[in-house]
Full PDB file with SEQRES, HELIX, SHEET, SSBOND, CRYST1, ORIGX, SCALE, CONECT and MASTER records, all heavy atoms in Angstrom:
SEQRES   1 A   41  THR ILE ALA PRO GLU ASP GLY ASP MET ARG VAL VAL GLN          
SEQRES   2 A   41  THR TYR LEU PRO ALA THR ASN VAL LEU LEU THR GLN TRP          
SEQRES   3 A   41  LEU GLY GLU GLU SER SER VAL HIS VAL THR ASP TYR MET          
SEQRES   4 A   41  ALA SER                                                      
SHEET    1 AA1 3 ARG A  10  TYR A  15  0                                        
SHEET    2 AA1 3 LEU A  22  LEU A  27 -1                                        
SHEET    3 AA1 3 SER A  32  ASP A  37 -1                                        
CRYST1    1.000    1.000    1.000  90.00  90.00  90.00 P 1           1          
ORIGX1      1.000000  0.000000  0.000000        0.00000                         
ORIGX2      0.000000  1.000000  0.000000        0.00000                         
ORIGX3      0.000000  0.000000  1.000000        0.00000                         
SCALE1      1.000000  0.000000  0.000000        0.00000                         
SCALE2      0.000000  1.000000  0.000000        0.00000                         
SCALE3      0.000000  0.000000  1.000000        0.00000                         
ATOM      1  N   THR A   1     -58.688  10.568 113.903  1.00  0.00           N  
ATOM      2  CA  THR A   1     -58.506  11.101 115.251  1.00  0.00           C  
ATOM      3  C   THR A   1     -59.545  12.160 115.606  1.00  0.00           C  
ATOM      4  O   THR A   1     -59.841  13.033 114.805  1.00  0.00           O  
ATOM      5  CB  THR A   1     -57.085  11.754 115.352  1.00  0.00           C  
ATOM      6  OG1 THR A   1     -56.108  10.811 115.100  1.00  0.00           O  
ATOM      7  CG2 THR A   1     -56.841  12.337 116.772  1.00  0.00           C  
ATOM      8  N   ILE A   2     -60.121  11.914 116.782  1.00  0.00           N  
ATOM      9  CA  ILE A   2     -61.016  12.877 117.424  1.00  0.00           C  
ATOM     10  C   ILE A   2     -60.514  13.107 118.815  1.00  0.00           C  
ATOM     11  O   ILE A   2     -60.400  12.186 119.579  1.00  0.00           O  
ATOM     12  CB  ILE A   2     -62.468  12.415 117.383  1.00  0.00           C  
ATOM     13  CG1 ILE A   2     -63.088  12.204 116.139  1.00  0.00           C  
ATOM     14  CG2 ILE A   2     -63.329  13.420 118.197  1.00  0.00           C  
ATOM     15  CD1 ILE A   2     -64.446  11.624 116.100  1.00  0.00           C  
ATOM     16  N   ALA A   3     -60.218  14.463 119.128  1.00  0.00           N  
ATOM     17  CA  ALA A   3     -59.718  14.724 120.497  1.00  0.00           C  
ATOM     18  C   ALA A   3     -59.768  16.232 120.774  1.00  0.00           C  
ATOM     19  O   ALA A   3     -59.837  17.068 119.819  1.00  0.00           O  
ATOM     20  CB  ALA A   3     -58.201  14.328 120.498  1.00  0.00           C  
ATOM     21  N   PRO A   4     -59.848  16.643 122.046  1.00  0.00           N  
ATOM     22  CA  PRO A   4     -59.814  18.026 122.358  1.00  0.00           C  
ATOM     23  C   PRO A   4     -58.481  18.655 121.934  1.00  0.00           C  
ATOM     24  O   PRO A   4     -57.464  17.936 122.044  1.00  0.00           O  
ATOM     25  CB  PRO A   4     -60.033  18.097 123.875  1.00  0.00           C  
ATOM     26  CG  PRO A   4     -60.458  16.725 124.200  1.00  0.00           C  
ATOM     27  CD  PRO A   4     -59.944  15.785 123.215  1.00  0.00           C  
ATOM     28  N   GLU A   5     -58.501  19.936 121.586  1.00  0.00           N  
ATOM     29  CA  GLU A   5     -57.178  20.571 121.136  1.00  0.00           C  
ATOM     30  C   GLU A   5     -56.348  20.935 122.447  1.00  0.00           C  
ATOM     31  O   GLU A   5     -55.173  21.120 122.367  1.00  0.00           O  
ATOM     32  CB  GLU A   5     -57.464  21.864 120.382  1.00  0.00           C  
ATOM     33  CG  GLU A   5     -57.998  21.495 118.963  1.00  0.00           C  
ATOM     34  CD  GLU A   5     -58.059  22.669 118.034  1.00  0.00           C  
ATOM     35  OE1 GLU A   5     -57.792  23.825 118.572  1.00  0.00           O  
ATOM     36  OE2 GLU A   5     -58.424  22.552 116.857  1.00  0.00           O  
ATOM     37  N   ASP A   6     -56.994  21.042 123.639  1.00  0.00           N  
ATOM     38  CA  ASP A   6     -56.263  21.303 124.853  1.00  0.00           C  
ATOM     39  C   ASP A   6     -55.478  20.077 125.219  1.00  0.00           C  
ATOM     40  O   ASP A   6     -55.986  19.030 125.444  1.00  0.00           O  
ATOM     41  CB  ASP A   6     -57.344  21.539 125.951  1.00  0.00           C  
ATOM     42  CG  ASP A   6     -56.650  21.974 127.280  1.00  0.00           C  
ATOM     43  OD1 ASP A   6     -55.392  21.844 127.351  1.00  0.00           O  
ATOM     44  OD2 ASP A   6     -57.345  22.119 128.239  1.00  0.00           O  
ATOM     45  N   GLY A   7     -54.170  20.291 125.208  1.00  0.00           N  
ATOM     46  CA  GLY A   7     -53.219  19.162 125.441  1.00  0.00           C  
ATOM     47  C   GLY A   7     -52.995  18.934 126.921  1.00  0.00           C  
ATOM     48  O   GLY A   7     -52.383  17.878 127.281  1.00  0.00           O  
ATOM     49  N   ASP A   8     -53.509  19.801 127.816  1.00  0.00           N  
ATOM     50  CA  ASP A   8     -53.200  19.631 129.234  1.00  0.00           C  
ATOM     51  C   ASP A   8     -54.398  19.019 129.883  1.00  0.00           C  
ATOM     52  O   ASP A   8     -55.079  19.591 130.790  1.00  0.00           O  
ATOM     53  CB  ASP A   8     -53.012  20.998 129.863  1.00  0.00           C  
ATOM     54  CG  ASP A   8     -52.479  20.856 131.326  1.00  0.00           C  
ATOM     55  OD1 ASP A   8     -51.963  19.821 131.655  1.00  0.00           O  
ATOM     56  OD2 ASP A   8     -52.675  21.882 131.998  1.00  0.00           O  
ATOM     57  N   MET A   9     -54.758  17.780 129.504  1.00  0.00           N  
ATOM     58  CA  MET A   9     -55.885  17.089 130.140  1.00  0.00           C  
ATOM     59  C   MET A   9     -55.451  15.599 130.435  1.00  0.00           C  
ATOM     60  O   MET A   9     -54.635  15.068 129.717  1.00  0.00           O  
ATOM     61  CB  MET A   9     -57.078  17.034 129.194  1.00  0.00           C  
ATOM     62  CG  MET A   9     -57.550  18.409 128.730  1.00  0.00           C  
ATOM     63  SD  MET A   9     -58.894  18.386 127.525  1.00  0.00           S  
ATOM     64  CE  MET A   9     -60.283  18.227 128.670  1.00  0.00           C  
ATOM     65  N   ARG A  10     -56.005  15.062 131.465  1.00  0.00           N  
ATOM     66  CA  ARG A  10     -55.808  13.680 131.804  1.00  0.00           C  
ATOM     67  C   ARG A  10     -56.762  12.732 130.954  1.00  0.00           C  
ATOM     68  O   ARG A  10     -57.891  13.194 130.703  1.00  0.00           O  
ATOM     69  CB  ARG A  10     -56.110  13.359 133.287  1.00  0.00           C  
ATOM     70  CG  ARG A  10     -55.823  11.942 133.634  1.00  0.00           C  
ATOM     71  CD  ARG A  10     -56.245  11.581 135.040  1.00  0.00           C  
ATOM     72  NE  ARG A  10     -55.991  10.171 135.309  1.00  0.00           N  
ATOM     73  CZ  ARG A  10     -56.589   9.504 136.280  1.00  0.00           C  
ATOM     74  NH1 ARG A  10     -57.516  10.148 137.080  1.00  0.00           N  
ATOM     75  NH2 ARG A  10     -56.341   8.245 136.489  1.00  0.00           N  
ATOM     76  N   VAL A  11     -56.196  11.693 130.380  1.00  0.00           N  
ATOM     77  CA  VAL A  11     -56.955  10.841 129.536  1.00  0.00           C  
ATOM     78  C   VAL A  11     -57.163   9.493 130.285  1.00  0.00           C  
ATOM     79  O   VAL A  11     -56.276   8.800 130.828  1.00  0.00           O  
ATOM     80  CB  VAL A  11     -56.244  10.542 128.211  1.00  0.00           C  
ATOM     81  CG1 VAL A  11     -57.145   9.678 127.310  1.00  0.00           C  
ATOM     82  CG2 VAL A  11     -55.931  11.847 127.494  1.00  0.00           C  
ATOM     83  N   VAL A  12     -58.393   9.049 130.349  1.00  0.00           N  
ATOM     84  CA  VAL A  12     -58.889   7.872 130.916  1.00  0.00           C  
ATOM     85  C   VAL A  12     -59.637   7.005 129.920  1.00  0.00           C  
ATOM     86  O   VAL A  12     -60.604   7.588 129.304  1.00  0.00           O  
ATOM     87  CB  VAL A  12     -59.607   7.983 132.233  1.00  0.00           C  
ATOM     88  CG1 VAL A  12     -60.096   6.640 132.913  1.00  0.00           C  
ATOM     89  CG2 VAL A  12     -58.809   8.808 133.258  1.00  0.00           C  
ATOM     90  N   GLN A  13     -59.340   5.790 129.757  1.00  0.00           N  
ATOM     91  CA  GLN A  13     -60.063   4.972 128.782  1.00  0.00           C  
ATOM     92  C   GLN A  13     -60.612   3.654 129.440  1.00  0.00           C  
ATOM     93  O   GLN A  13     -59.829   3.009 130.162  1.00  0.00           O  
ATOM     94  CB  GLN A  13     -59.205   4.582 127.568  1.00  0.00           C  
ATOM     95  CG  GLN A  13     -59.886   3.916 126.367  1.00  0.00           C  
ATOM     96  CD  GLN A  13     -58.950   3.687 125.224  1.00  0.00           C  
ATOM     97  OE1 GLN A  13     -58.103   2.729 125.309  1.00  0.00           O  
ATOM     98  NE2 GLN A  13     -59.141   4.437 124.149  1.00  0.00           N  
ATOM     99  N   THR A  14     -61.836   3.394 129.212  1.00  0.00           N  
ATOM    100  CA  THR A  14     -62.471   2.215 129.783  1.00  0.00           C  
ATOM    101  C   THR A  14     -63.608   1.718 128.868  1.00  0.00           C  
ATOM    102  O   THR A  14     -63.944   2.417 127.957  1.00  0.00           O  
ATOM    103  CB  THR A  14     -62.973   2.474 131.171  1.00  0.00           C  
ATOM    104  OG1 THR A  14     -63.421   1.311 131.876  1.00  0.00           O  
ATOM    105  CG2 THR A  14     -64.125   3.516 131.191  1.00  0.00           C  
ATOM    106  N   TYR A  15     -64.083   0.524 129.177  1.00  0.00           N  
ATOM    107  CA  TYR A  15     -65.279   0.095 128.420  1.00  0.00           C  
ATOM    108  C   TYR A  15     -66.576   0.393 129.261  1.00  0.00           C  
ATOM    109  O   TYR A  15     -66.453   0.317 130.515  1.00  0.00           O  
ATOM    110  CB  TYR A  15     -65.241  -1.447 128.211  1.00  0.00           C  
ATOM    111  CG  TYR A  15     -64.359  -1.820 127.090  1.00  0.00           C  
ATOM    112  CD1 TYR A  15     -63.002  -2.325 127.351  1.00  0.00           C  
ATOM    113  CD2 TYR A  15     -64.750  -1.773 125.751  1.00  0.00           C  
ATOM    114  CE1 TYR A  15     -62.143  -2.660 126.320  1.00  0.00           C  
ATOM    115  CE2 TYR A  15     -63.873  -2.176 124.717  1.00  0.00           C  
ATOM    116  CZ  TYR A  15     -62.633  -2.592 125.013  1.00  0.00           C  
ATOM    117  OH  TYR A  15     -61.863  -2.961 123.997  1.00  0.00           O  
ATOM    118  N   LEU A  16     -67.689   0.654 128.643  1.00  0.00           N  
ATOM    119  CA  LEU A  16     -68.971   0.597 129.326  1.00  0.00           C  
ATOM    120  C   LEU A  16     -69.175  -0.747 129.869  1.00  0.00           C  
ATOM    121  O   LEU A  16     -68.741  -1.666 129.264  1.00  0.00           O  
ATOM    122  CB  LEU A  16     -70.071   0.989 128.428  1.00  0.00           C  
ATOM    123  CG  LEU A  16     -70.015   2.443 127.820  1.00  0.00           C  
ATOM    124  CD1 LEU A  16     -71.375   2.781 127.023  1.00  0.00           C  
ATOM    125  CD2 LEU A  16     -69.699   3.468 128.801  1.00  0.00           C  
ATOM    126  N   PRO A  17     -69.652  -0.883 131.114  1.00  0.00           N  
ATOM    127  CA  PRO A  17     -69.680  -2.184 131.743  1.00  0.00           C  
ATOM    128  C   PRO A  17     -70.170  -3.391 130.890  1.00  0.00           C  
ATOM    129  O   PRO A  17     -71.332  -3.278 130.330  1.00  0.00           O  
ATOM    130  CB  PRO A  17     -70.583  -1.935 133.013  1.00  0.00           C  
ATOM    131  CG  PRO A  17     -70.399  -0.425 133.292  1.00  0.00           C  
ATOM    132  CD  PRO A  17     -70.228   0.176 131.924  1.00  0.00           C  
ATOM    133  N   ALA A  18     -69.432  -4.421 130.892  1.00  0.00           N  
ATOM    134  CA  ALA A  18     -69.813  -5.666 130.197  1.00  0.00           C  
ATOM    135  C   ALA A  18     -70.157  -5.420 128.716  1.00  0.00           C  
ATOM    136  O   ALA A  18     -71.099  -6.088 128.138  1.00  0.00           O  
ATOM    137  CB  ALA A  18     -70.988  -6.276 130.928  1.00  0.00           C  
ATOM    138  N   THR A  19     -69.524  -4.537 128.012  1.00  0.00           N  
ATOM    139  CA  THR A  19     -69.673  -4.317 126.591  1.00  0.00           C  
ATOM    140  C   THR A  19     -68.369  -4.205 125.854  1.00  0.00           C  
ATOM    141  O   THR A  19     -67.380  -4.110 126.430  1.00  0.00           O  
ATOM    142  CB  THR A  19     -70.452  -2.981 126.380  1.00  0.00           C  
ATOM    143  OG1 THR A  19     -69.650  -1.867 126.575  1.00  0.00           O  
ATOM    144  CG2 THR A  19     -71.647  -2.853 127.358  1.00  0.00           C  
ATOM    145  N   ASN A  20     -68.488  -4.086 124.536  1.00  0.00           N  
ATOM    146  CA  ASN A  20     -67.450  -3.674 123.604  1.00  0.00           C  
ATOM    147  C   ASN A  20     -67.532  -2.267 123.196  1.00  0.00           C  
ATOM    148  O   ASN A  20     -67.133  -1.900 122.044  1.00  0.00           O  
ATOM    149  CB  ASN A  20     -67.287  -4.680 122.522  1.00  0.00           C  
ATOM    150  CG  ASN A  20     -66.565  -6.000 122.835  1.00  0.00           C  
ATOM    151  OD1 ASN A  20     -65.550  -5.970 123.548  1.00  0.00           O  
ATOM    152  ND2 ASN A  20     -67.239  -7.118 122.587  1.00  0.00           N  
ATOM    153  N   VAL A  21     -68.258  -1.488 124.035  1.00  0.00           N  
ATOM    154  CA  VAL A  21     -68.291  -0.044 123.745  1.00  0.00           C  
ATOM    155  C   VAL A  21     -67.246   0.700 124.548  1.00  0.00           C  
ATOM    156  O   VAL A  21     -67.217   0.643 125.771  1.00  0.00           O  
ATOM    157  CB  VAL A  21     -69.764   0.465 124.087  1.00  0.00           C  
ATOM    158  CG1 VAL A  21     -69.825   1.996 123.857  1.00  0.00           C  
ATOM    159  CG2 VAL A  21     -70.803  -0.291 123.237  1.00  0.00           C  
ATOM    160  N   LEU A  22     -66.420   1.419 123.856  1.00  0.00           N  
ATOM    161  CA  LEU A  22     -65.232   2.019 124.523  1.00  0.00           C  
ATOM    162  C   LEU A  22     -65.465   3.572 124.805  1.00  0.00           C  
ATOM    163  O   LEU A  22     -65.877   4.247 123.899  1.00  0.00           O  
ATOM    164  CB  LEU A  22     -64.036   1.822 123.606  1.00  0.00           C  
ATOM    165  CG  LEU A  22     -62.724   2.172 124.100  1.00  0.00           C  
ATOM    166  CD1 LEU A  22     -62.247   1.184 125.234  1.00  0.00           C  
ATOM    167  CD2 LEU A  22     -61.622   2.123 123.012  1.00  0.00           C  
ATOM    168  N   LEU A  23     -65.073   3.907 126.020  1.00  0.00           N  
ATOM    169  CA  LEU A  23     -65.262   5.319 126.465  1.00  0.00           C  
ATOM    170  C   LEU A  23     -63.900   5.899 126.788  1.00  0.00           C  
ATOM    171  O   LEU A  23     -63.109   5.369 127.567  1.00  0.00           O  
ATOM    172  CB  LEU A  23     -66.144   5.376 127.705  1.00  0.00           C  
ATOM    173  CG  LEU A  23     -66.324   6.740 128.346  1.00  0.00           C  
ATOM    174  CD1 LEU A  23     -66.924   7.732 127.404  1.00  0.00           C  
ATOM    175  CD2 LEU A  23     -67.004   6.643 129.664  1.00  0.00           C  
ATOM    176  N   THR A  24     -63.474   6.948 126.020  1.00  0.00           N  
ATOM    177  CA  THR A  24     -62.234   7.660 126.295  1.00  0.00           C  
ATOM    178  C   THR A  24     -62.671   9.046 126.816  1.00  0.00           C  
ATOM    179  O   THR A  24     -63.447   9.809 126.233  1.00  0.00           O  
ATOM    180  CB  THR A  24     -61.326   7.882 125.033  1.00  0.00           C  
ATOM    181  OG1 THR A  24     -61.267   6.552 124.321  1.00  0.00           O  
ATOM    182  CG2 THR A  24     -60.056   8.384 125.330  1.00  0.00           C  
ATOM    183  N   GLN A  25     -62.050   9.386 128.001  1.00  0.00           N  
ATOM    184  CA  GLN A  25     -62.363  10.685 128.688  1.00  0.00           C  
ATOM    185  C   GLN A  25     -61.178  11.510 128.803  1.00  0.00           C  
ATOM    186  O   GLN A  25     -60.035  11.036 129.160  1.00  0.00           O  
ATOM    187  CB  GLN A  25     -62.919  10.394 130.091  1.00  0.00           C  
ATOM    188  CG  GLN A  25     -64.097   9.436 130.189  1.00  0.00           C  
ATOM    189  CD  GLN A  25     -64.372   8.939 131.582  1.00  0.00           C  
ATOM    190  OE1 GLN A  25     -64.861   9.663 132.392  1.00  0.00           O  
ATOM    191  NE2 GLN A  25     -63.917   7.730 131.963  1.00  0.00           N  
ATOM    192  N   TRP A  26     -61.369  12.824 128.411  1.00  0.00           N  
ATOM    193  CA  TRP A  26     -60.386  13.835 128.581  1.00  0.00           C  
ATOM    194  C   TRP A  26     -60.809  14.661 129.783  1.00  0.00           C  
ATOM    195  O   TRP A  26     -61.902  15.357 129.709  1.00  0.00           O  
ATOM    196  CB  TRP A  26     -60.112  14.698 127.328  1.00  0.00           C  
ATOM    197  CG  TRP A  26     -59.468  14.000 126.335  1.00  0.00           C  
ATOM    198  CD1 TRP A  26     -57.983  14.187 125.967  1.00  0.00           C  
ATOM    199  CD2 TRP A  26     -59.877  13.079 125.318  1.00  0.00           C  
ATOM    200  NE1 TRP A  26     -57.708  13.392 124.923  1.00  0.00           N  
ATOM    201  CE2 TRP A  26     -58.839  12.742 124.458  1.00  0.00           C  
ATOM    202  CE3 TRP A  26     -61.137  12.527 124.980  1.00  0.00           C  
ATOM    203  CZ2 TRP A  26     -58.892  11.855 123.356  1.00  0.00           C  
ATOM    204  CZ3 TRP A  26     -61.298  11.709 123.975  1.00  0.00           C  
ATOM    205  CH2 TRP A  26     -60.193  11.367 123.136  1.00  0.00           C  
ATOM    206  N   LEU A  27     -60.082  14.736 130.791  1.00  0.00           N  
ATOM    207  CA  LEU A  27     -60.441  15.490 132.008  1.00  0.00           C  
ATOM    208  C   LEU A  27     -59.521  16.652 132.252  1.00  0.00           C  
ATOM    209  O   LEU A  27     -58.301  16.460 132.471  1.00  0.00           O  
ATOM    210  CB  LEU A  27     -60.432  14.517 133.244  1.00  0.00           C  
ATOM    211  CG  LEU A  27     -61.230  13.224 133.094  1.00  0.00           C  
ATOM    212  CD1 LEU A  27     -60.962  12.311 134.207  1.00  0.00           C  
ATOM    213  CD2 LEU A  27     -62.680  13.513 132.824  1.00  0.00           C  
ATOM    214  N   GLY A  28     -60.069  17.894 132.240  1.00  0.00           N  
ATOM    215  CA  GLY A  28     -59.235  19.054 132.502  1.00  0.00           C  
ATOM    216  C   GLY A  28     -59.781  19.882 133.617  1.00  0.00           C  
ATOM    217  O   GLY A  28     -60.792  19.659 134.171  1.00  0.00           O  
ATOM    218  N   GLU A  29     -59.071  20.946 133.861  1.00  0.00           N  
ATOM    219  CA  GLU A  29     -59.431  21.834 134.983  1.00  0.00           C  
ATOM    220  C   GLU A  29     -60.700  22.631 134.659  1.00  0.00           C  
ATOM    221  O   GLU A  29     -61.491  22.874 135.486  1.00  0.00           O  
ATOM    222  CB  GLU A  29     -58.329  22.847 135.291  1.00  0.00           C  
ATOM    223  CG  GLU A  29     -57.039  22.206 135.891  1.00  0.00           C  
ATOM    224  CD  GLU A  29     -57.271  21.603 137.249  1.00  0.00           C  
ATOM    225  OE1 GLU A  29     -58.234  21.984 137.961  1.00  0.00           O  
ATOM    226  OE2 GLU A  29     -56.356  20.780 137.711  1.00  0.00           O  
ATOM    227  N   GLU A  30     -60.887  22.941 133.359  1.00  0.00           N  
ATOM    228  CA  GLU A  30     -62.015  23.826 132.952  1.00  0.00           C  
ATOM    229  C   GLU A  30     -63.048  23.095 132.143  1.00  0.00           C  
ATOM    230  O   GLU A  30     -64.198  23.622 131.964  1.00  0.00           O  
ATOM    231  CB  GLU A  30     -61.440  25.006 132.181  1.00  0.00           C  
ATOM    232  CG  GLU A  30     -60.400  25.897 132.820  1.00  0.00           C  
ATOM    233  CD  GLU A  30     -60.975  26.481 134.055  1.00  0.00           C  
ATOM    234  OE1 GLU A  30     -62.192  26.801 134.057  1.00  0.00           O  
ATOM    235  OE2 GLU A  30     -60.101  26.769 134.979  1.00  0.00           O  
ATOM    236  N   SER A  31     -62.693  21.898 131.683  1.00  0.00           N  
ATOM    237  CA  SER A  31     -63.710  21.199 130.785  1.00  0.00           C  
ATOM    238  C   SER A  31     -63.380  19.681 130.761  1.00  0.00           C  
ATOM    239  O   SER A  31     -62.274  19.219 131.168  1.00  0.00           O  
ATOM    240  CB  SER A  31     -63.688  21.705 129.372  1.00  0.00           C  
ATOM    241  OG  SER A  31     -62.344  21.508 128.842  1.00  0.00           O  
ATOM    242  N   SER A  32     -64.357  18.922 130.328  1.00  0.00           N  
ATOM    243  CA  SER A  32     -64.135  17.458 130.124  1.00  0.00           C  
ATOM    244  C   SER A  32     -64.946  17.024 128.939  1.00  0.00           C  
ATOM    245  O   SER A  32     -66.014  17.532 128.653  1.00  0.00           O  
ATOM    246  CB  SER A  32     -64.648  16.741 131.402  1.00  0.00           C  
ATOM    247  OG  SER A  32     -66.051  16.920 131.654  1.00  0.00           O  
ATOM    248  N   VAL A  33     -64.372  16.061 128.295  1.00  0.00           N  
ATOM    249  CA  VAL A  33     -64.882  15.587 127.032  1.00  0.00           C  
ATOM    250  C   VAL A  33     -64.869  14.066 127.022  1.00  0.00           C  
ATOM    251  O   VAL A  33     -63.874  13.376 127.460  1.00  0.00           O  
ATOM    252  CB  VAL A  33     -63.971  16.035 125.826  1.00  0.00           C  
ATOM    253  CG1 VAL A  33     -64.581  15.516 124.434  1.00  0.00           C  
ATOM    254  CG2 VAL A  33     -63.922  17.516 125.821  1.00  0.00           C  
ATOM    255  N   HIS A  34     -66.038  13.469 126.568  1.00  0.00           N  
ATOM    256  CA  HIS A  34     -66.090  12.033 126.448  1.00  0.00           C  
ATOM    257  C   HIS A  34     -66.210  11.660 124.928  1.00  0.00           C  
ATOM    258  O   HIS A  34     -67.050  12.258 124.209  1.00  0.00           O  
ATOM    259  CB  HIS A  34     -67.316  11.454 127.177  1.00  0.00           C  
ATOM    260  CG  HIS A  34     -67.241  11.565 128.636  1.00  0.00           C  
ATOM    261  ND1 HIS A  34     -68.212  11.023 129.508  1.00  0.00           N  
ATOM    262  CD2 HIS A  34     -66.332  12.101 129.447  1.00  0.00           C  
ATOM    263  CE1 HIS A  34     -67.854  11.233 130.751  1.00  0.00           C  
ATOM    264  NE2 HIS A  34     -66.699  11.858 130.709  1.00  0.00           N  
ATOM    265  N   VAL A  35     -65.518  10.667 124.512  1.00  0.00           N  
ATOM    266  CA  VAL A  35     -65.725  10.106 123.158  1.00  0.00           C  
ATOM    267  C   VAL A  35     -66.095   8.611 123.363  1.00  0.00           C  
ATOM    268  O   VAL A  35     -65.291   7.872 123.954  1.00  0.00           O  
ATOM    269  CB  VAL A  35     -64.405  10.195 122.252  1.00  0.00           C  
ATOM    270  CG1 VAL A  35     -64.676   9.516 121.009  1.00  0.00           C  
ATOM    271  CG2 VAL A  35     -64.156  11.734 121.965  1.00  0.00           C  
ATOM    272  N   THR A  36     -67.226   8.271 122.864  1.00  0.00           N  
ATOM    273  CA  THR A  36     -67.760   6.923 122.986  1.00  0.00           C  
ATOM    274  C   THR A  36     -67.620   6.269 121.580  1.00  0.00           C  
ATOM    275  O   THR A  36     -68.194   6.725 120.637  1.00  0.00           O  
ATOM    276  CB  THR A  36     -69.186   6.824 123.475  1.00  0.00           C  
ATOM    277  OG1 THR A  36     -69.282   7.615 124.716  1.00  0.00           O  
ATOM    278  CG2 THR A  36     -69.678   5.405 123.658  1.00  0.00           C  
ATOM    279  N   ASP A  37     -66.856   5.117 121.525  1.00  0.00           N  
ATOM    280  CA  ASP A  37     -66.595   4.425 120.288  1.00  0.00           C  
ATOM    281  C   ASP A  37     -67.215   3.113 120.200  1.00  0.00           C  
ATOM    282  O   ASP A  37     -67.015   2.351 121.191  1.00  0.00           O  
ATOM    283  CB  ASP A  37     -65.106   4.323 120.052  1.00  0.00           C  
ATOM    284  CG  ASP A  37     -64.381   5.634 119.717  1.00  0.00           C  
ATOM    285  OD1 ASP A  37     -64.839   6.324 118.680  1.00  0.00           O  
ATOM    286  OD2 ASP A  37     -63.490   6.062 120.433  1.00  0.00           O  
ATOM    287  N   TYR A  38     -67.857   2.708 119.078  1.00  0.00           N  
ATOM    288  CA  TYR A  38     -68.454   1.421 118.966  1.00  0.00           C  
ATOM    289  C   TYR A  38     -68.688   1.191 117.477  1.00  0.00           C  
ATOM    290  O   TYR A  38     -68.649   2.058 116.693  1.00  0.00           O  
ATOM    291  CB  TYR A  38     -69.654   1.257 119.781  1.00  0.00           C  
ATOM    292  CG  TYR A  38     -70.907   2.130 119.474  1.00  0.00           C  
ATOM    293  CD1 TYR A  38     -71.960   1.614 118.689  1.00  0.00           C  
ATOM    294  CD2 TYR A  38     -70.910   3.483 119.789  1.00  0.00           C  
ATOM    295  CE1 TYR A  38     -73.025   2.429 118.380  1.00  0.00           C  
ATOM    296  CE2 TYR A  38     -71.954   4.266 119.508  1.00  0.00           C  
ATOM    297  CZ  TYR A  38     -73.033   3.738 118.767  1.00  0.00           C  
ATOM    298  OH  TYR A  38     -74.068   4.584 118.423  1.00  0.00           O  
ATOM    299  N   MET A  39     -69.013  -0.125 117.151  1.00  0.00           N  
ATOM    300  CA  MET A  39     -69.323  -0.523 115.873  1.00  0.00           C  
ATOM    301  C   MET A  39     -70.566  -1.349 115.865  1.00  0.00           C  
ATOM    302  O   MET A  39     -70.987  -1.961 116.899  1.00  0.00           O  
ATOM    303  CB  MET A  39     -68.257  -1.401 115.218  1.00  0.00           C  
ATOM    304  CG  MET A  39     -66.886  -0.639 115.074  1.00  0.00           C  
ATOM    305  SD  MET A  39     -65.678  -1.523 114.253  1.00  0.00           S  
ATOM    306  CE  MET A  39     -66.232  -1.501 112.582  1.00  0.00           C  
ATOM    307  N   ALA A  40     -71.384  -1.257 114.870  1.00  0.00           N  
ATOM    308  CA  ALA A  40     -72.597  -1.960 114.674  1.00  0.00           C  
ATOM    309  C   ALA A  40     -72.842  -2.466 113.268  1.00  0.00           C  
ATOM    310  O   ALA A  40     -72.236  -1.865 112.350  1.00  0.00           O  
ATOM    311  CB  ALA A  40     -73.803  -1.025 115.035  1.00  0.00           C  
ATOM    312  N   SER A  41     -73.512  -3.503 113.146  1.00  0.00           N  
ATOM    313  CA  SER A  41     -73.817  -4.055 111.870  1.00  0.00           C  
ATOM    314  C   SER A  41     -74.986  -5.033 111.820  1.00  0.00           C  
ATOM    315  O   SER A  41     -75.462  -5.392 112.954  1.00  0.00           O  
ATOM    316  CB  SER A  41     -72.642  -4.896 111.305  1.00  0.00           C  
ATOM    317  OG  SER A  41     -72.461  -6.075 111.889  1.00  0.00           O  
TER     318      SER A  41                                                      
MASTER        0    0    0    0    3    0    0    6  317    1    0    4          
END                                                                             
């Protein structure tokens, strides 16, 4: 698990367009955090 400790944030998850790269966004009043997840081999 990787996440902001601030629990009062809206979470939005989507893919980068036309990819299997996943973007999870935490949107708060004072800050915002993006986690981009993908695999490569």
